Amino acid sequence: MNEMVEIFFGAMIVGFSGALVPGPMLTLVISSVAEKGFWTSFFIVVGHAILELVVVAAFVLGLLRYLENPLVAKIIGILGGVFLLYLGVDILVSVFRKRFIIDFKSMIKKRTMNTRSTGIIILKGILVSLMNPYWFIWWISIGAAFIIKSVKFNIPGVLSFFTGHISADFIWYLFIGFLISTGRRFLNQKIYNGILIACSLFLFYLGVKFILDALI
């Protein structure tokens, strides 16, 4: 049970580290919620989750057998750990160089309802992930390393990883959707930077752990 909890929260924090960084997904959520309302943020993440569930299933049902070789598993673990360390450094540097600046006041707009189908919004959530090169890099390094760890505990381990990982996206983007649709200013740049720094420190811990686990 302790291993399941560790996998869940580890996947969640790493998921937050990706979700919090401004990118195509955040841009889509902000623009869609401002135009169509809060629930578009939910369905965008649903599309993202569907795509990631397909990736996890592909790993477990076929691709994983190519990763079960001890040498391949060690290489992926080391590469995943190195990439986690790189992300931690990159986030810290970006925060201190003020690269991640979001005008939280200007993003809050009056909501206008729209009757477009949820299917189109879900599709946008899928496509915006596919268009992000970082998404592919994440899955062939960190994602693969996490799956190799979680599959040791069979289906419960994989489910712990996936639910932990995708819950970070739902929590963050639904919060952003709520922020925009209600006009409440719960978040400012200082709090946002603090969250990013906390995530980067956890990435250092996980990166070192991945590398040590692969080498031992």
Protein backbone atom coordinates (compact mmCIF):
# COMPACT_ATOMS: atom_id res chain seq x y z
CA MET A 1 0.00 0.00 0.00
CA ASN A 2 2.86 2.40 0.78
CA GLU A 3 4.25 1.81 -2.70
CA MET A 4 0.85 2.63 -4.25
CA VAL A 5 0.66 5.88 -2.29
CA GLU A 6 4.21 6.82 -3.26
CA ILE A 7 3.51 6.13 -6.95
CA PHE A 8 0.26 8.12 -6.81
CA PHE A 9 1.67 11.24 -5.17
CA GLY A 10 4.94 11.05 -7.10
CA ALA A 11 3.00 10.98 -10.37
CA MET A 12 0.77 13.80 -9.15
CA ILE A 13 3.63 16.16 -8.23
CA VAL A 14 5.45 15.44 -11.48
CA GLY A 15 2.15 16.03 -13.28
CA PHE A 16 1.83 19.41 -11.56
CA SER A 17 5.35 20.33 -12.69
CA GLY A 18 4.23 19.91 -16.29
CA ALA A 19 0.75 21.38 -15.95
CA LEU A 20 1.93 24.54 -14.18
CA VAL A 21 4.39 25.50 -16.91
CA PRO A 22 2.66 27.83 -19.41
CA GLY A 23 2.12 26.09 -22.73
CA PRO A 24 -0.48 25.20 -25.39
CA MET A 25 -2.78 23.49 -22.89
CA LEU A 26 -2.93 26.47 -20.54
CA THR A 27 -3.50 28.82 -23.47
CA LEU A 28 -6.38 26.67 -24.75
CA VAL A 29 -8.00 26.48 -21.31
CA ILE A 30 -7.76 30.24 -20.73
CA SER A 31 -9.16 31.18 -24.14
CA SER A 32 -11.89 28.51 -24.12
CA VAL A 33 -13.15 29.24 -20.61
CA ALA A 34 -13.15 32.99 -21.28
CA GLU A 35 -15.28 32.36 -24.35
CA LYS A 36 -17.49 29.39 -23.42
CA GLY A 37 -17.49 28.92 -19.65
CA PHE A 38 -16.01 26.84 -16.84
CA TRP A 39 -16.88 23.33 -18.05
CA THR A 40 -14.74 23.66 -21.16
CA SER A 41 -11.69 23.33 -18.88
CA PHE A 42 -13.00 19.96 -17.67
CA PHE A 43 -13.64 18.59 -21.17
CA ILE A 44 -10.26 19.80 -22.46
CA VAL A 45 -8.57 17.77 -19.72
CA VAL A 46 -10.86 14.82 -20.51
CA GLY A 47 -9.47 14.87 -24.07
CA HIS A 48 -5.93 15.06 -22.69
CA ALA A 49 -6.68 12.17 -20.29
CA ILE A 50 -8.08 9.98 -23.09
CA LEU A 51 -4.89 10.41 -25.10
CA GLU A 52 -2.70 9.64 -22.09
CA LEU A 53 -4.80 6.58 -21.22
CA VAL A 54 -4.19 5.28 -24.75
CA VAL A 55 -0.43 5.79 -24.26
CA VAL A 56 -0.46 3.96 -20.91
CA ALA A 57 -2.47 1.09 -22.42
CA ALA A 58 -0.03 0.89 -25.35
CA PHE A 59 2.89 0.61 -22.93
CA VAL A 60 1.22 -2.06 -20.81
CA LEU A 61 -0.21 -4.11 -23.68
CA GLY A 62 2.74 -4.09 -26.04
CA LEU A 63 5.45 -1.49 -25.81
CA LEU A 64 6.36 -2.46 -22.27
CA ARG A 65 7.88 -5.78 -23.33
CA TYR A 66 10.58 -3.83 -25.14
CA LEU A 67 11.31 -1.96 -21.91
CA GLU A 68 11.47 -4.99 -19.60
CA ASN A 69 15.06 -5.79 -20.54
CA PRO A 70 17.10 -4.92 -17.40
CA LEU A 71 19.60 -2.85 -19.38
CA VAL A 72 16.84 -0.93 -21.20
CA ALA A 73 15.02 -0.36 -17.89
CA LYS A 74 18.21 1.01 -16.32
CA ILE A 75 18.83 3.33 -19.27
CA ILE A 76 15.25 4.63 -19.18
CA GLY A 77 15.43 5.08 -15.40
CA ILE A 78 18.66 7.07 -15.69
CA LEU A 79 17.40 9.15 -18.63
CA GLY A 80 14.10 9.77 -16.83
CA GLY A 81 15.99 10.85 -13.71
CA VAL A 82 18.29 13.14 -15.69
CA PHE A 83 15.30 14.69 -17.46
CA LEU A 84 13.58 15.26 -14.11
CA LEU A 85 16.72 17.03 -12.82
CA TYR A 86 16.84 19.10 -16.01
CA LEU A 87 13.18 20.10 -15.58
CA GLY A 88 13.82 21.07 -11.97
CA VAL A 89 16.75 23.29 -12.94
CA ASP A 90 14.87 24.74 -15.92
CA ILE A 91 11.85 25.65 -13.78
CA LEU A 92 14.01 27.28 -11.09
CA VAL A 93 16.01 29.27 -13.65
CA SER A 94 12.82 30.32 -15.44
CA VAL A 95 11.22 31.51 -12.21
CA PHE A 96 14.23 33.60 -11.19
CA ARG A 97 14.63 34.99 -14.71
CA LYS A 98 10.89 35.79 -14.75
CA ARG A 99 10.13 33.74 -17.84
CA PHE A 100 6.84 32.42 -16.44
CA ILE A 101 4.93 35.66 -16.11
CA ILE A 102 1.15 35.43 -16.26
CA ASP A 103 -1.12 38.43 -15.94
CA PHE A 104 -3.77 36.81 -13.74
CA LYS A 105 -5.87 39.96 -13.66
CA SER A 106 -6.14 40.33 -17.42
CA MET A 107 -6.99 36.65 -17.92
CA ILE A 108 -10.19 37.06 -15.90
CA LYS A 109 -12.94 37.85 -18.40
CA LYS A 110 -16.72 37.84 -18.45
CA ARG A 111 -18.02 34.46 -19.49
CA THR A 112 -20.13 34.08 -22.61
CA MET A 113 -21.96 30.78 -23.08
CA ASN A 114 -21.70 28.82 -26.31
CA THR A 115 -23.59 25.73 -27.54
CA ARG A 116 -20.71 23.97 -29.33
CA SER A 117 -20.58 20.26 -28.67
CA THR A 118 -18.40 18.86 -25.93
CA GLY A 119 -16.99 16.42 -28.52
CA ILE A 120 -15.17 19.26 -30.29
CA ILE A 121 -13.76 20.52 -27.00
CA ILE A 122 -12.55 17.01 -26.08
CA LEU A 123 -10.94 16.71 -29.51
CA LYS A 124 -9.13 20.01 -28.93
CA GLY A 125 -7.78 18.59 -25.67
CA ILE A 126 -6.37 15.62 -27.59
CA LEU A 127 -4.90 17.69 -30.42
CA VAL A 128 -3.29 20.31 -28.19
CA SER A 129 -1.35 17.53 -26.46
CA LEU A 130 -0.25 15.94 -29.74
CA MET A 131 1.01 19.30 -30.98
CA ASN A 132 3.29 19.72 -27.95
CA PRO A 133 6.79 18.22 -28.54
CA TYR A 134 7.42 18.27 -24.78
CA TRP A 135 4.55 15.79 -24.35
CA PHE A 136 6.34 13.17 -26.48
CA ILE A 137 9.66 13.72 -24.69
CA TRP A 138 7.96 13.35 -21.32
CA TRP A 139 6.39 10.00 -22.19
CA ILE A 140 9.50 8.36 -23.67
CA SER A 141 11.55 9.37 -20.63
CA ILE A 142 9.74 10.16 -17.38
CA GLY A 143 6.47 8.46 -18.32
CA ALA A 144 8.19 5.25 -19.42
CA ALA A 145 10.30 5.20 -16.24
CA PHE A 146 7.21 5.64 -14.07
CA ILE A 147 5.37 2.86 -15.89
CA ILE A 148 8.29 0.46 -15.48
CA LYS A 149 8.14 1.16 -11.73
CA SER A 150 4.36 0.96 -11.42
CA VAL A 151 3.86 -2.19 -13.53
CA LYS A 152 5.79 -4.17 -10.89
CA PHE A 153 2.61 -3.87 -8.81
CA ASN A 154 0.40 -4.97 -11.72
CA ILE A 155 -2.86 -3.16 -12.51
CA PRO A 156 -3.13 -1.38 -9.11
CA GLY A 157 0.33 0.12 -9.66
CA VAL A 158 -0.50 1.34 -13.18
CA LEU A 159 -3.83 2.77 -11.98
CA SER A 160 -2.07 4.56 -9.11
CA PHE A 161 0.34 6.15 -11.59
CA PHE A 162 -2.31 7.17 -14.10
CA THR A 163 -4.82 8.54 -11.59
CA GLY A 164 -2.09 10.44 -9.75
CA HIS A 165 -0.71 11.87 -12.97
CA ILE A 166 -4.00 12.92 -14.54
CA SER A 167 -5.44 14.26 -11.26
CA ALA A 168 -2.77 16.98 -11.34
CA ASP A 169 -4.08 18.17 -14.72
CA PHE A 170 -7.69 18.15 -13.53
CA ILE A 171 -6.89 20.01 -10.28
CA TRP A 172 -4.77 22.71 -11.94
CA TYR A 173 -6.81 23.38 -15.08
CA LEU A 174 -10.16 23.25 -13.28
CA PHE A 175 -8.76 25.77 -10.81
CA ILE A 176 -7.70 28.00 -13.71
CA GLY A 177 -11.15 27.54 -15.26
CA PHE A 178 -12.80 28.49 -11.97
CA LEU A 179 -10.54 31.50 -11.61
CA ILE A 180 -11.40 32.81 -15.05
CA SER A 181 -15.13 32.04 -15.03
CA THR A 182 -15.83 33.56 -11.61
CA GLY A 183 -13.42 36.47 -11.75
CA ARG A 184 -11.95 35.66 -8.33
CA ARG A 185 -8.30 36.52 -7.84
CA PHE A 186 -7.09 33.68 -5.64
CA LEU A 187 -3.85 33.34 -7.56
CA ASN A 188 -1.08 35.86 -8.12
CA GLN A 189 2.42 35.71 -9.56
CA LYS A 190 4.11 35.26 -6.16
CA ILE A 191 1.96 32.26 -5.19
CA TYR A 192 2.39 30.80 -8.68
CA ASN A 193 6.19 31.13 -8.44
CA GLY A 194 6.13 29.47 -5.01
CA ILE A 195 4.23 26.48 -6.39
CA LEU A 196 6.70 26.18 -9.27
CA ILE A 197 9.69 26.26 -6.90
CA ALA A 198 8.13 23.58 -4.68
CA CYS A 199 7.55 21.39 -7.73
CA SER A 200 11.12 21.88 -8.93
CA LEU A 201 12.52 20.78 -5.55
CA PHE A 202 10.41 17.64 -5.66
CA LEU A 203 11.68 16.99 -9.19
CA PHE A 204 15.24 17.04 -7.83
CA TYR A 205 14.29 14.43 -5.24
CA LEU A 206 12.57 12.19 -7.79
CA GLY A 207 15.36 12.62 -10.33
CA VAL A 208 18.01 11.48 -7.86
CA LYS A 209 15.76 8.60 -6.71
CA PHE A 210 15.17 7.40 -10.30
CA ILE A 211 18.89 7.42 -11.04
CA LEU A 212 19.84 5.63 -7.80
CA ASP A 213 17.10 3.00 -8.29
CA ALA A 214 18.36 2.34 -11.82
CA LEU A 215 21.99 2.01 -10.72
CA ILE A 216 21.40 -0.20 -7.69
